[in-house]
Amino acid sequence: MVIKDSGIGTKEVFFADLEHYMSDLGFDRGAWDYKHATYDYKIEDKGNTYYLRIEATVTKGKLEDTHAELKLEEPYLGKHLFPHGFDYDCNMPDSVVQTAKSKLKLLNEKLSSH
């Protein structure tokens, strides 16, 4: 499920700032290479696990450089499937969607204040 109109997609930010904001908000950086990073926020609900995922692409520099510039993509939400995999098209519980939107609002505030 892509979460549109979050204000996150197309934002640009320095790597060091993004790392700080994401860490403060409880996101973990998972998959990454020198041009791309994925940040996940885990949401538990009624025995199921969901992940709010935000991808960032380097537009200038290399990922581990504190001054590298990254462009954020539209965030999306997926249900974790055991033992591995995600379902991005399932019906998401309202409580999970609201938690994700609240987290995105906080991130957008941090990105907009810098």
N, C-alpha and C. Protein backbone atom coordinates (compact mmCIF):
# COMPACT_ATOMS: atom_id res chain seq x y z
N MET A 1 0.85 -1.18 0.00
CA MET A 1 0.00 0.00 0.00
C MET A 1 0.89 1.24 0.00
N VAL A 2 0.83 1.99 -1.06
CA VAL A 2 1.56 3.25 -1.12
C VAL A 2 0.76 4.29 -0.35
N ILE A 3 1.46 5.06 0.48
CA ILE A 3 0.80 6.12 1.24
C ILE A 3 1.11 7.43 0.54
N LYS A 4 0.13 7.89 -0.22
CA LYS A 4 0.31 9.12 -0.99
C LYS A 4 -0.06 10.33 -0.15
N ASP A 5 0.36 11.48 -0.61
CA ASP A 5 0.07 12.75 0.05
C ASP A 5 0.61 12.84 1.47
N SER A 6 1.73 12.13 1.72
CA SER A 6 2.36 12.19 3.05
C SER A 6 3.30 13.38 3.16
N GLY A 7 3.66 13.94 2.00
CA GLY A 7 4.64 15.02 2.00
C GLY A 7 6.07 14.52 2.00
N ILE A 8 6.26 13.19 2.06
CA ILE A 8 7.60 12.61 2.13
C ILE A 8 8.21 12.42 0.75
N GLY A 9 7.42 11.90 -0.19
CA GLY A 9 7.92 11.62 -1.53
C GLY A 9 8.50 12.85 -2.18
N THR A 10 9.64 12.72 -2.78
CA THR A 10 10.41 13.75 -3.48
C THR A 10 11.15 14.72 -2.56
N LYS A 11 11.06 14.56 -1.24
CA LYS A 11 11.86 15.40 -0.34
C LYS A 11 13.32 15.05 -0.54
N GLU A 12 14.19 16.04 -0.38
CA GLU A 12 15.62 15.81 -0.47
C GLU A 12 16.26 16.19 0.85
N VAL A 13 17.24 15.39 1.26
CA VAL A 13 17.84 15.57 2.58
C VAL A 13 19.27 15.04 2.56
N PHE A 14 20.12 15.58 3.43
CA PHE A 14 21.47 15.05 3.60
C PHE A 14 21.41 13.73 4.36
N PHE A 15 22.31 12.82 4.02
CA PHE A 15 22.34 11.50 4.64
C PHE A 15 22.43 11.59 6.16
N ALA A 16 23.33 12.40 6.69
CA ALA A 16 23.51 12.49 8.15
C ALA A 16 22.21 12.93 8.83
N ASP A 17 21.52 13.90 8.24
CA ASP A 17 20.26 14.38 8.82
C ASP A 17 19.20 13.28 8.77
N LEU A 18 19.11 12.60 7.64
CA LEU A 18 18.12 11.54 7.50
C LEU A 18 18.38 10.42 8.51
N GLU A 19 19.63 10.03 8.67
CA GLU A 19 19.97 8.99 9.65
C GLU A 19 19.52 9.40 11.05
N HIS A 20 19.76 10.65 11.39
CA HIS A 20 19.38 11.16 12.72
C HIS A 20 17.86 11.13 12.89
N TYR A 21 17.13 11.67 11.92
CA TYR A 21 15.67 11.71 12.01
C TYR A 21 15.08 10.30 12.10
N MET A 22 15.56 9.41 11.23
CA MET A 22 15.01 8.06 11.20
C MET A 22 15.29 7.32 12.50
N SER A 23 16.47 7.48 13.02
CA SER A 23 16.82 6.84 14.29
C SER A 23 15.93 7.36 15.42
N ASP A 24 15.76 8.68 15.47
CA ASP A 24 14.91 9.29 16.50
C ASP A 24 13.47 8.77 16.45
N LEU A 25 12.99 8.46 15.25
CA LEU A 25 11.60 8.03 15.08
C LEU A 25 11.44 6.51 15.12
N GLY A 26 12.52 5.78 15.34
CA GLY A 26 12.43 4.34 15.48
C GLY A 26 12.55 3.53 14.20
N PHE A 27 12.99 4.15 13.12
CA PHE A 27 13.21 3.44 11.86
C PHE A 27 14.59 2.77 11.88
N ASP A 28 14.68 1.63 11.22
CA ASP A 28 15.95 0.94 11.03
C ASP A 28 16.32 1.00 9.56
N ARG A 29 17.62 1.23 9.30
CA ARG A 29 18.08 1.17 7.91
C ARG A 29 18.38 -0.29 7.61
N GLY A 30 17.68 -0.82 6.63
CA GLY A 30 17.87 -2.21 6.25
C GLY A 30 18.74 -2.31 5.03
N ALA A 31 18.17 -2.71 3.93
CA ALA A 31 18.91 -2.87 2.69
C ALA A 31 19.52 -1.54 2.25
N TRP A 32 20.76 -1.62 1.78
CA TRP A 32 21.40 -0.42 1.27
C TRP A 32 22.57 -0.78 0.38
N ASP A 33 22.92 0.14 -0.47
CA ASP A 33 24.16 0.09 -1.23
C ASP A 33 24.62 1.54 -1.36
N TYR A 34 25.54 1.83 -2.22
CA TYR A 34 26.08 3.19 -2.27
C TYR A 34 25.15 4.21 -2.91
N LYS A 35 24.07 3.76 -3.52
CA LYS A 35 23.14 4.68 -4.18
C LYS A 35 21.71 4.58 -3.67
N HIS A 36 21.46 3.72 -2.69
CA HIS A 36 20.08 3.46 -2.29
C HIS A 36 20.04 2.97 -0.84
N ALA A 37 19.01 3.38 -0.11
CA ALA A 37 18.80 2.89 1.26
C ALA A 37 17.31 2.68 1.51
N THR A 38 17.01 1.72 2.36
CA THR A 38 15.63 1.44 2.74
C THR A 38 15.52 1.55 4.25
N TYR A 39 14.54 2.31 4.71
CA TYR A 39 14.28 2.49 6.13
C TYR A 39 12.93 1.86 6.47
N ASP A 40 12.91 1.08 7.54
CA ASP A 40 11.69 0.38 7.95
C ASP A 40 11.30 0.74 9.37
N TYR A 41 9.99 0.88 9.57
CA TYR A 41 9.43 1.06 10.91
C TYR A 41 8.45 -0.08 11.15
N LYS A 42 8.70 -0.85 12.20
CA LYS A 42 7.93 -2.05 12.50
C LYS A 42 6.68 -1.69 13.32
N ILE A 43 5.53 -2.21 12.87
CA ILE A 43 4.26 -1.99 13.56
C ILE A 43 3.65 -3.35 13.86
N GLU A 44 3.39 -3.64 15.13
CA GLU A 44 2.77 -4.90 15.55
C GLU A 44 1.29 -4.64 15.79
N ASP A 45 0.44 -5.57 15.31
CA ASP A 45 -1.00 -5.41 15.51
C ASP A 45 -1.67 -6.79 15.50
N LYS A 46 -2.25 -7.15 16.63
CA LYS A 46 -3.04 -8.40 16.75
C LYS A 46 -2.30 -9.61 16.20
N GLY A 47 -1.05 -9.76 16.59
CA GLY A 47 -0.27 -10.92 16.19
C GLY A 47 0.35 -10.83 14.81
N ASN A 48 0.11 -9.77 14.10
CA ASN A 48 0.69 -9.57 12.77
C ASN A 48 1.74 -8.47 12.83
N THR A 49 2.67 -8.54 11.90
CA THR A 49 3.73 -7.54 11.82
C THR A 49 3.63 -6.83 10.48
N TYR A 50 3.70 -5.51 10.53
CA TYR A 50 3.64 -4.66 9.34
C TYR A 50 4.89 -3.78 9.35
N TYR A 51 5.28 -3.35 8.17
CA TYR A 51 6.42 -2.45 8.06
C TYR A 51 6.05 -1.24 7.22
N LEU A 52 6.33 -0.07 7.78
CA LEU A 52 6.28 1.17 7.03
C LEU A 52 7.66 1.33 6.42
N ARG A 53 7.73 1.43 5.11
CA ARG A 53 9.01 1.45 4.41
C ARG A 53 9.17 2.74 3.62
N ILE A 54 10.36 3.32 3.75
CA ILE A 54 10.70 4.52 2.99
C ILE A 54 12.04 4.25 2.30
N GLU A 55 12.06 4.44 0.99
CA GLU A 55 13.28 4.26 0.23
C GLU A 55 13.88 5.62 -0.11
N ALA A 56 15.20 5.65 -0.14
CA ALA A 56 15.93 6.87 -0.47
C ALA A 56 16.98 6.56 -1.52
N THR A 57 17.09 7.43 -2.49
CA THR A 57 18.06 7.26 -3.58
C THR A 57 19.05 8.42 -3.53
N VAL A 58 20.33 8.09 -3.62
CA VAL A 58 21.38 9.10 -3.60
C VAL A 58 21.34 9.88 -4.91
N THR A 59 21.30 11.21 -4.80
CA THR A 59 21.35 12.06 -5.99
C THR A 59 22.72 12.72 -6.14
N LYS A 60 23.49 12.75 -5.02
CA LYS A 60 24.82 13.35 -5.06
C LYS A 60 25.67 12.73 -3.97
N GLY A 61 26.83 12.19 -4.34
CA GLY A 61 27.74 11.59 -3.37
C GLY A 61 27.52 10.09 -3.23
N LYS A 62 28.06 9.54 -2.13
CA LYS A 62 27.90 8.12 -1.80
C LYS A 62 27.17 8.03 -0.47
N LEU A 63 26.42 6.97 -0.29
CA LEU A 63 25.52 6.85 0.85
C LEU A 63 26.17 7.10 2.20
N GLU A 64 27.30 6.55 2.47
CA GLU A 64 27.89 6.69 3.80
C GLU A 64 28.54 8.06 4.03
N ASP A 65 28.60 8.90 3.02
CA ASP A 65 29.13 10.26 3.16
C ASP A 65 28.06 11.10 3.85
N THR A 66 28.41 11.77 4.92
CA THR A 66 27.42 12.55 5.69
C THR A 66 26.77 13.64 4.85
N HIS A 67 27.47 14.12 3.82
CA HIS A 67 26.93 15.19 2.98
C HIS A 67 26.29 14.67 1.69
N ALA A 68 26.16 13.36 1.58
CA ALA A 68 25.46 12.81 0.42
C ALA A 68 24.02 13.32 0.43
N GLU A 69 23.51 13.63 -0.75
CA GLU A 69 22.13 14.10 -0.86
C GLU A 69 21.24 12.94 -1.32
N LEU A 70 20.10 12.78 -0.64
CA LEU A 70 19.18 11.70 -0.95
C LEU A 70 17.80 12.24 -1.26
N LYS A 71 17.14 11.59 -2.19
CA LYS A 71 15.76 11.91 -2.54
C LYS A 71 14.88 10.79 -2.00
N LEU A 72 13.84 11.15 -1.26
CA LEU A 72 12.94 10.16 -0.68
C LEU A 72 11.83 9.81 -1.65
N GLU A 73 11.43 8.55 -1.62
CA GLU A 73 10.33 8.06 -2.44
C GLU A 73 9.05 8.05 -1.60
N GLU A 74 7.92 7.84 -2.25
CA GLU A 74 6.65 7.72 -1.52
C GLU A 74 6.73 6.52 -0.57
N PRO A 75 6.33 6.70 0.67
CA PRO A 75 6.37 5.59 1.62
C PRO A 75 5.30 4.54 1.30
N TYR A 76 5.55 3.32 1.74
CA TYR A 76 4.56 2.28 1.55
C TYR A 76 4.53 1.35 2.76
N LEU A 77 3.44 0.61 2.87
CA LEU A 77 3.15 -0.21 4.02
C LEU A 77 2.91 -1.64 3.55
N GLY A 78 3.53 -2.60 4.24
CA GLY A 78 3.35 -4.00 3.86
C GLY A 78 3.21 -4.89 5.08
N LYS A 79 2.51 -5.99 4.90
CA LYS A 79 2.35 -6.99 5.95
C LYS A 79 3.44 -8.04 5.78
N HIS A 80 4.12 -8.34 6.86
CA HIS A 80 5.18 -9.35 6.82
C HIS A 80 4.56 -10.74 6.70
N LEU A 81 5.10 -11.53 5.78
CA LEU A 81 4.64 -12.91 5.59
C LEU A 81 5.73 -13.85 6.09
N PHE A 82 5.36 -14.81 6.92
CA PHE A 82 6.31 -15.76 7.47
C PHE A 82 6.65 -16.83 6.44
N PRO A 83 7.87 -17.25 6.26
CA PRO A 83 9.06 -16.85 7.00
C PRO A 83 9.72 -15.60 6.44
N HIS A 84 9.41 -15.25 5.21
CA HIS A 84 9.95 -14.00 4.66
C HIS A 84 9.06 -13.56 3.50
N GLY A 85 9.05 -12.29 3.27
CA GLY A 85 8.24 -11.73 2.20
C GLY A 85 7.26 -10.71 2.74
N PHE A 86 6.63 -9.99 1.83
CA PHE A 86 5.69 -8.93 2.20
C PHE A 86 4.49 -8.96 1.28
N ASP A 87 3.34 -8.59 1.83
CA ASP A 87 2.13 -8.40 1.06
C ASP A 87 1.80 -6.92 1.11
N TYR A 88 1.96 -6.25 -0.02
CA TYR A 88 1.70 -4.81 -0.08
C TYR A 88 0.28 -4.50 -0.54
N ASP A 89 -0.45 -5.51 -0.93
CA ASP A 89 -1.79 -5.30 -1.47
C ASP A 89 -2.92 -5.73 -0.54
N CYS A 90 -2.61 -6.27 0.63
CA CYS A 90 -3.66 -6.73 1.54
C CYS A 90 -4.38 -5.54 2.18
N ASN A 91 -5.53 -5.81 2.75
CA ASN A 91 -6.26 -4.78 3.49
C ASN A 91 -5.51 -4.53 4.80
N MET A 92 -5.12 -3.31 5.00
CA MET A 92 -4.39 -2.94 6.21
C MET A 92 -5.37 -2.50 7.28
N PRO A 93 -5.19 -2.94 8.52
CA PRO A 93 -6.05 -2.48 9.61
C PRO A 93 -5.95 -0.96 9.77
N ASP A 94 -7.07 -0.33 10.09
CA ASP A 94 -7.08 1.13 10.27
C ASP A 94 -6.06 1.58 11.30
N SER A 95 -5.90 0.81 12.39
CA SER A 95 -4.96 1.20 13.44
C SER A 95 -3.52 1.22 12.90
N VAL A 96 -3.19 0.31 12.03
CA VAL A 96 -1.84 0.25 11.44
C VAL A 96 -1.64 1.43 10.50
N VAL A 97 -2.64 1.72 9.69
CA VAL A 97 -2.56 2.85 8.76
C VAL A 97 -2.42 4.16 9.53
N GLN A 98 -3.18 4.31 10.61
CA GLN A 98 -3.11 5.54 11.40
C GLN A 98 -1.75 5.68 12.09
N THR A 99 -1.20 4.57 12.59
CA THR A 99 0.14 4.60 13.19
C THR A 99 1.17 5.04 12.15
N ALA A 100 1.07 4.47 10.96
CA ALA A 100 2.01 4.82 9.88
C ALA A 100 1.88 6.30 9.51
N LYS A 101 0.66 6.78 9.38
CA LYS A 101 0.46 8.19 9.01
C LYS A 101 0.96 9.13 10.09
N SER A 102 0.78 8.75 11.35
CA SER A 102 1.29 9.58 12.46
C SER A 102 2.81 9.65 12.42
N LYS A 103 3.44 8.52 12.14
CA LYS A 103 4.91 8.48 12.06
C LYS A 103 5.40 9.33 10.89
N LEU A 104 4.70 9.25 9.75
CA LEU A 104 5.06 10.05 8.58
C LEU A 104 4.89 11.54 8.83
N LYS A 105 3.87 11.90 9.59
CA LYS A 105 3.65 13.31 9.93
C LYS A 105 4.83 13.83 10.75
N LEU A 106 5.28 13.04 11.72
CA LEU A 106 6.43 13.45 12.53
C LEU A 106 7.70 13.58 11.67
N LEU A 107 7.90 12.63 10.77
CA LEU A 107 9.06 12.70 9.89
C LEU A 107 8.98 13.92 8.98
N ASN A 108 7.82 14.18 8.43
CA ASN A 108 7.65 15.34 7.55
C ASN A 108 7.94 16.64 8.31
N GLU A 109 7.53 16.70 9.57
CA GLU A 109 7.81 17.90 10.37
C GLU A 109 9.31 18.07 10.55
N LYS A 110 10.02 16.98 10.81
CA LYS A 110 11.48 17.07 10.97
C LYS A 110 12.16 17.49 9.67
N LEU A 111 11.71 16.92 8.56
CA LEU A 111 12.29 17.25 7.27
C LEU A 111 12.00 18.69 6.87
N SER A 112 10.83 19.19 7.23
CA SER A 112 10.43 20.55 6.85
C SER A 112 11.09 21.61 7.72
N SER A 113 11.50 21.24 8.93
CA SER A 113 12.08 22.22 9.84
C SER A 113 13.56 22.44 9.58
N HIS A 114 14.15 21.62 8.72
CA HIS A 114 15.59 21.73 8.47
C HIS A 114 15.86 22.44 7.17
